[in-house]
């Protein structure tokens, strides 16, 4: 039986690289819900949207760089050329029933996808405890407990190493006393833990959607990728992205 991960990877490749709209009829449920801003629900709307994208970009290619699956959720980290994409799919009884997405332009010269070492078995709780202590307790000493050097950082404009990340967050916490990161969902498998959350600088800030991906080895976070997208001003229900 095809795993949820294999199903979603096949779906994504067939749809975006091969232009096979028939895969929507095969793998997408009639009640499909799409949380992409401006997207309509349902398989027909999805087929129309993809047909439009491929017509505008006839030579498009995407690469699924990493896939993470846990229970009914599958996260794809995708290199779409000029864009980094984090897509999260919910699968039920062999059909894709729901989809969230975060998309970010890739700045020139940025390495948003490579991996510094081989994969292995990680620890989901290490990444979650680290995220909770930083995000909710604002305790930057969590880096000293949960992160190991060399810490490989793929956030554009942010240097490798613990010190650079601590300094970036310390500045954000000082500038925005009401800063908050509300977790919507977590997907973890092997050495990878992905956290989908709503990052806001205050109660009146629409904020950004973020997918952080942590690689955990030997009980420590050793690498980090992220994809960040502003919540559009035109989106009436901010929470609908999450």
Protein backbone atom coordinates (compact mmCIF):
# COMPACT_ATOMS: atom_id res chain seq x y z
CA UNK A 1 0.00 0.00 0.00
CA UNK A 2 1.34 3.44 -0.93
CA UNK A 3 2.42 5.49 2.08
CA UNK A 4 1.05 8.98 2.64
CA UNK A 5 4.50 10.39 1.94
CA UNK A 6 4.90 8.54 -1.37
CA UNK A 7 1.36 9.50 -2.37
CA UNK A 8 1.94 13.22 -1.79
CA UNK A 9 5.36 13.24 -3.47
CA UNK A 10 3.90 11.44 -6.51
CA UNK A 11 0.99 13.87 -6.58
CA UNK A 12 3.25 16.94 -6.44
CA UNK A 13 5.66 15.68 -9.10
CA UNK A 14 2.86 14.57 -11.43
CA UNK A 15 1.00 17.84 -11.08
CA UNK A 16 3.79 20.42 -11.29
CA UNK A 17 6.55 18.66 -13.26
CA UNK A 18 4.43 16.58 -15.65
CA UNK A 19 1.29 18.69 -15.85
CA UNK A 20 -0.86 15.62 -15.22
CA UNK A 21 -4.14 17.10 -14.02
CA UNK A 22 -5.62 13.61 -13.90
CA UNK A 23 -3.71 12.99 -10.70
CA UNK A 24 -6.10 15.43 -9.02
CA UNK A 25 -9.05 13.18 -9.92
CA UNK A 26 -7.12 10.18 -8.59
CA UNK A 27 -5.74 11.56 -5.34
CA UNK A 28 -7.72 14.64 -4.22
CA UNK A 29 -10.94 14.28 -2.22
CA UNK A 30 -14.13 16.02 -3.41
CA UNK A 31 -14.24 18.07 -0.21
CA UNK A 32 -10.61 19.25 -0.54
CA UNK A 33 -9.90 22.41 1.52
CA UNK A 34 -7.12 24.76 0.39
CA UNK A 35 -5.71 27.32 2.84
CA UNK A 36 -3.55 29.11 0.25
CA UNK A 37 -4.63 32.78 0.26
CA UNK A 38 -6.97 33.45 -2.65
CA UNK A 39 -7.36 29.76 -3.55
CA UNK A 40 -10.77 28.17 -3.83
CA UNK A 41 -11.61 24.81 -2.31
CA UNK A 42 -12.28 21.67 -4.35
CA UNK A 43 -10.47 19.62 -7.02
CA UNK A 44 -11.78 21.67 -9.97
CA UNK A 45 -10.35 24.89 -8.55
CA UNK A 46 -7.01 23.18 -7.93
CA UNK A 47 -6.82 21.92 -11.51
CA UNK A 48 -7.66 25.37 -12.87
CA UNK A 49 -5.02 27.03 -10.67
CA UNK A 50 -2.26 24.60 -11.68
CA UNK A 51 -3.20 24.83 -15.36
CA UNK A 52 -2.85 28.60 -15.10
CA UNK A 53 0.53 28.36 -13.39
CA UNK A 54 1.89 25.94 -15.98
CA UNK A 55 0.55 28.01 -18.86
CA UNK A 56 2.41 31.02 -17.50
CA UNK A 57 5.55 28.94 -16.87
CA UNK A 58 5.58 26.16 -19.48
CA UNK A 59 9.07 24.95 -18.62
CA UNK A 60 8.59 24.93 -14.87
CA UNK A 61 10.36 22.35 -12.73
CA UNK A 62 10.13 21.84 -9.01
CA UNK A 63 12.25 19.63 -6.76
CA UNK A 64 11.04 18.08 -3.53
CA UNK A 65 14.20 18.50 -1.46
CA UNK A 66 12.84 16.87 1.68
CA UNK A 67 9.60 15.23 2.74
CA UNK A 68 8.47 14.68 6.32
CA UNK A 69 5.47 12.51 7.21
CA UNK A 70 3.72 11.92 10.52
CA UNK A 71 0.30 10.31 10.91
CA UNK A 72 -2.05 12.07 8.46
CA UNK A 73 0.28 14.99 7.63
CA UNK A 74 3.00 15.24 4.99
CA UNK A 75 5.29 18.25 4.66
CA UNK A 76 7.20 18.93 1.45
CA UNK A 77 10.14 21.34 1.35
CA UNK A 78 10.31 22.34 -2.30
CA UNK A 79 12.84 24.15 -4.46
CA UNK A 80 10.66 25.90 -7.05
CA UNK A 81 13.48 27.88 -8.65
CA UNK A 82 12.88 31.47 -7.64
CA UNK A 83 10.79 30.34 -4.68
CA UNK A 84 11.09 28.14 -1.63
CA UNK A 85 7.84 26.37 -0.79
CA UNK A 86 6.73 24.49 2.30
CA UNK A 87 3.53 22.59 1.54
CA UNK A 88 1.62 20.65 4.18
CA UNK A 89 -0.95 18.07 3.07
CA UNK A 90 -3.47 16.14 5.15
CA UNK A 91 -4.32 12.69 3.84
CA UNK A 92 -7.34 10.60 4.78
CA UNK A 93 -8.13 7.15 3.36
CA UNK A 94 -5.73 7.56 0.46
CA UNK A 95 -6.95 11.01 -0.60
CA UNK A 96 -5.54 14.50 -0.06
CA UNK A 97 -8.19 16.39 1.89
CA UNK A 98 -6.48 19.60 3.05
CA UNK A 99 -3.50 21.79 2.15
CA UNK A 100 -1.52 24.63 3.69
CA UNK A 101 1.37 26.44 2.05
CA UNK A 102 4.10 28.97 2.81
CA UNK A 103 6.06 30.43 -0.10
CA UNK A 104 9.08 32.75 -0.08
CA UNK A 105 11.24 34.26 -2.79
CA UNK A 106 14.82 32.98 -2.70
CA UNK A 107 17.27 35.91 -2.45
CA UNK A 108 20.21 35.79 -4.84
CA UNK A 109 23.13 33.84 -3.41
CA UNK A 110 21.07 32.24 -0.63
CA UNK A 111 21.36 28.54 0.20
CA UNK A 112 17.88 27.68 1.45
CA UNK A 113 17.89 23.95 0.65
CA UNK A 114 21.20 22.10 1.05
CA UNK A 115 21.93 19.82 4.00
CA UNK A 116 25.20 19.78 5.90
CA UNK A 117 25.29 16.06 6.67
CA UNK A 118 23.63 12.70 6.32
CA UNK A 119 20.26 12.06 7.92
CA UNK A 120 19.58 9.77 10.84
CA UNK A 121 17.28 9.28 13.78
CA UNK A 122 16.48 12.41 15.75
CA UNK A 123 14.34 13.39 18.72
CA UNK A 124 11.05 15.20 18.11
CA UNK A 125 10.83 16.42 21.70
CA UNK A 126 14.23 18.11 21.61
CA UNK A 127 13.15 20.41 18.79
CA UNK A 128 9.76 21.09 20.37
CA UNK A 129 11.21 21.87 23.79
CA UNK A 130 13.73 24.16 22.14
CA UNK A 131 11.02 25.96 20.17
CA UNK A 132 8.72 26.30 23.18
CA UNK A 133 11.40 27.71 25.47
CA UNK A 134 12.51 30.25 22.88
CA UNK A 135 9.08 31.17 21.48
CA UNK A 136 6.94 31.15 24.61
CA UNK A 137 9.43 31.69 27.44
CA UNK A 138 11.83 33.91 25.47
CA UNK A 139 14.67 31.98 27.04
CA UNK A 140 17.64 32.27 24.71
CA UNK A 141 19.74 30.08 26.99
CA UNK A 142 17.73 27.26 25.35
CA UNK A 143 20.26 27.49 22.52
CA UNK A 144 22.97 26.39 24.95
CA UNK A 145 20.91 23.39 26.09
CA UNK A 146 19.42 22.19 22.82
CA UNK A 147 21.65 23.37 19.96
CA UNK A 148 25.08 22.05 18.98
CA UNK A 149 27.88 23.66 17.02
CA UNK A 150 28.49 23.71 14.15
CA UNK A 151 24.90 24.98 13.83
CA UNK A 152 24.04 25.22 10.13
CA UNK A 153 21.61 28.05 9.42
CA UNK A 154 19.80 28.41 6.07
CA UNK A 155 17.74 31.53 6.85
CA UNK A 156 18.73 34.12 4.20
CA UNK A 157 21.03 36.77 5.65
CA UNK A 158 21.68 34.92 8.90
CA UNK A 159 25.11 33.46 9.60
CA UNK A 160 25.80 29.95 10.82
CA UNK A 161 26.41 29.43 14.51
CA UNK A 162 24.46 29.82 17.73
CA UNK A 163 25.61 33.38 18.43
CA UNK A 164 24.10 34.85 15.27
CA UNK A 165 20.67 33.28 15.90
CA UNK A 166 20.65 34.35 19.54
CA UNK A 167 21.53 37.91 18.56
CA UNK A 168 18.79 38.03 15.90
CA UNK A 169 16.12 36.82 18.35
CA UNK A 170 17.36 39.03 21.19
CA UNK A 171 16.93 42.04 18.93
CA UNK A 172 13.44 40.93 17.91
CA UNK A 173 12.33 40.35 21.50
CA UNK A 174 13.68 43.77 22.54
CA UNK A 175 12.04 45.57 19.62
CA UNK A 176 8.67 43.82 19.95
CA UNK A 177 7.72 43.10 23.58
CA UNK A 178 4.41 41.52 22.46
CA UNK A 179 6.01 39.25 19.84
CA UNK A 180 4.32 35.86 19.70
CA UNK A 181 4.66 32.60 17.76
CA UNK A 182 1.51 30.47 17.79
CA UNK A 183 2.04 26.89 16.64
CA UNK A 184 -0.58 25.53 14.23
CA UNK A 185 0.87 22.06 13.60
CA UNK A 186 4.01 19.95 13.86
CA UNK A 187 5.24 17.24 11.49
CA UNK A 188 8.21 15.11 12.56
CA UNK A 189 9.98 12.11 11.08
CA UNK A 190 13.49 10.76 11.51
CA UNK A 191 15.89 13.62 12.20
CA UNK A 192 13.53 16.35 10.88
CA UNK A 193 10.94 18.32 12.84
CA UNK A 194 8.80 20.92 11.06
CA UNK A 195 6.84 23.56 12.99
CA UNK A 196 4.13 25.55 11.18
CA UNK A 197 3.33 28.71 13.12
CA UNK A 198 1.94 32.24 13.00
CA UNK A 199 4.61 34.81 13.91
CA UNK A 200 3.27 38.21 14.98
CA UNK A 201 5.06 41.22 16.43
CA UNK A 202 1.94 42.30 18.36
CA UNK A 203 -1.82 41.98 18.64
CA UNK A 204 -2.44 44.36 15.71
CA UNK A 205 0.12 42.74 13.40
CA UNK A 206 -1.25 40.43 10.69
CA UNK A 207 2.07 38.66 10.94
CA UNK A 208 3.75 36.04 8.81
CA UNK A 209 3.22 32.35 8.25
CA UNK A 210 6.37 30.36 8.99
CA UNK A 211 7.52 26.80 8.58
CA UNK A 212 10.67 26.12 10.60
CA UNK A 213 12.44 22.83 9.90
CA UNK A 214 14.94 21.60 12.47
CA UNK A 215 17.40 18.72 12.04
CA UNK A 216 18.15 16.90 15.28
CA UNK A 217 21.10 14.56 15.73
CA UNK A 218 22.57 13.16 18.94
CA UNK A 219 19.93 14.91 21.01
CA UNK A 220 20.80 18.37 19.68
CA UNK A 221 19.47 20.70 16.98
CA UNK A 222 22.23 20.93 14.35
CA UNK A 223 20.57 22.57 11.34
CA UNK A 224 17.66 24.87 10.50
CA UNK A 225 15.70 25.89 7.41
CA UNK A 226 12.68 28.15 7.21
CA UNK A 227 10.11 29.48 4.76
CA UNK A 228 8.34 32.75 5.61
CA UNK A 229 5.36 34.47 3.95
CA UNK A 230 3.51 37.62 4.99
CA UNK A 231 -0.19 37.22 5.66
CA UNK A 232 -1.76 39.19 2.77
CA UNK A 233 -3.58 42.41 3.58
CA UNK A 234 -6.45 41.28 1.36
CA UNK A 235 -7.04 38.15 3.43
CA UNK A 236 -10.18 38.81 5.49
CA UNK A 237 -9.64 35.93 7.93
CA UNK A 238 -6.00 35.94 9.01
CA UNK A 239 -6.33 32.55 10.70
CA UNK A 240 -7.52 30.90 7.47
CA UNK A 241 -3.86 30.42 6.46
CA UNK A 242 -3.38 28.19 9.48
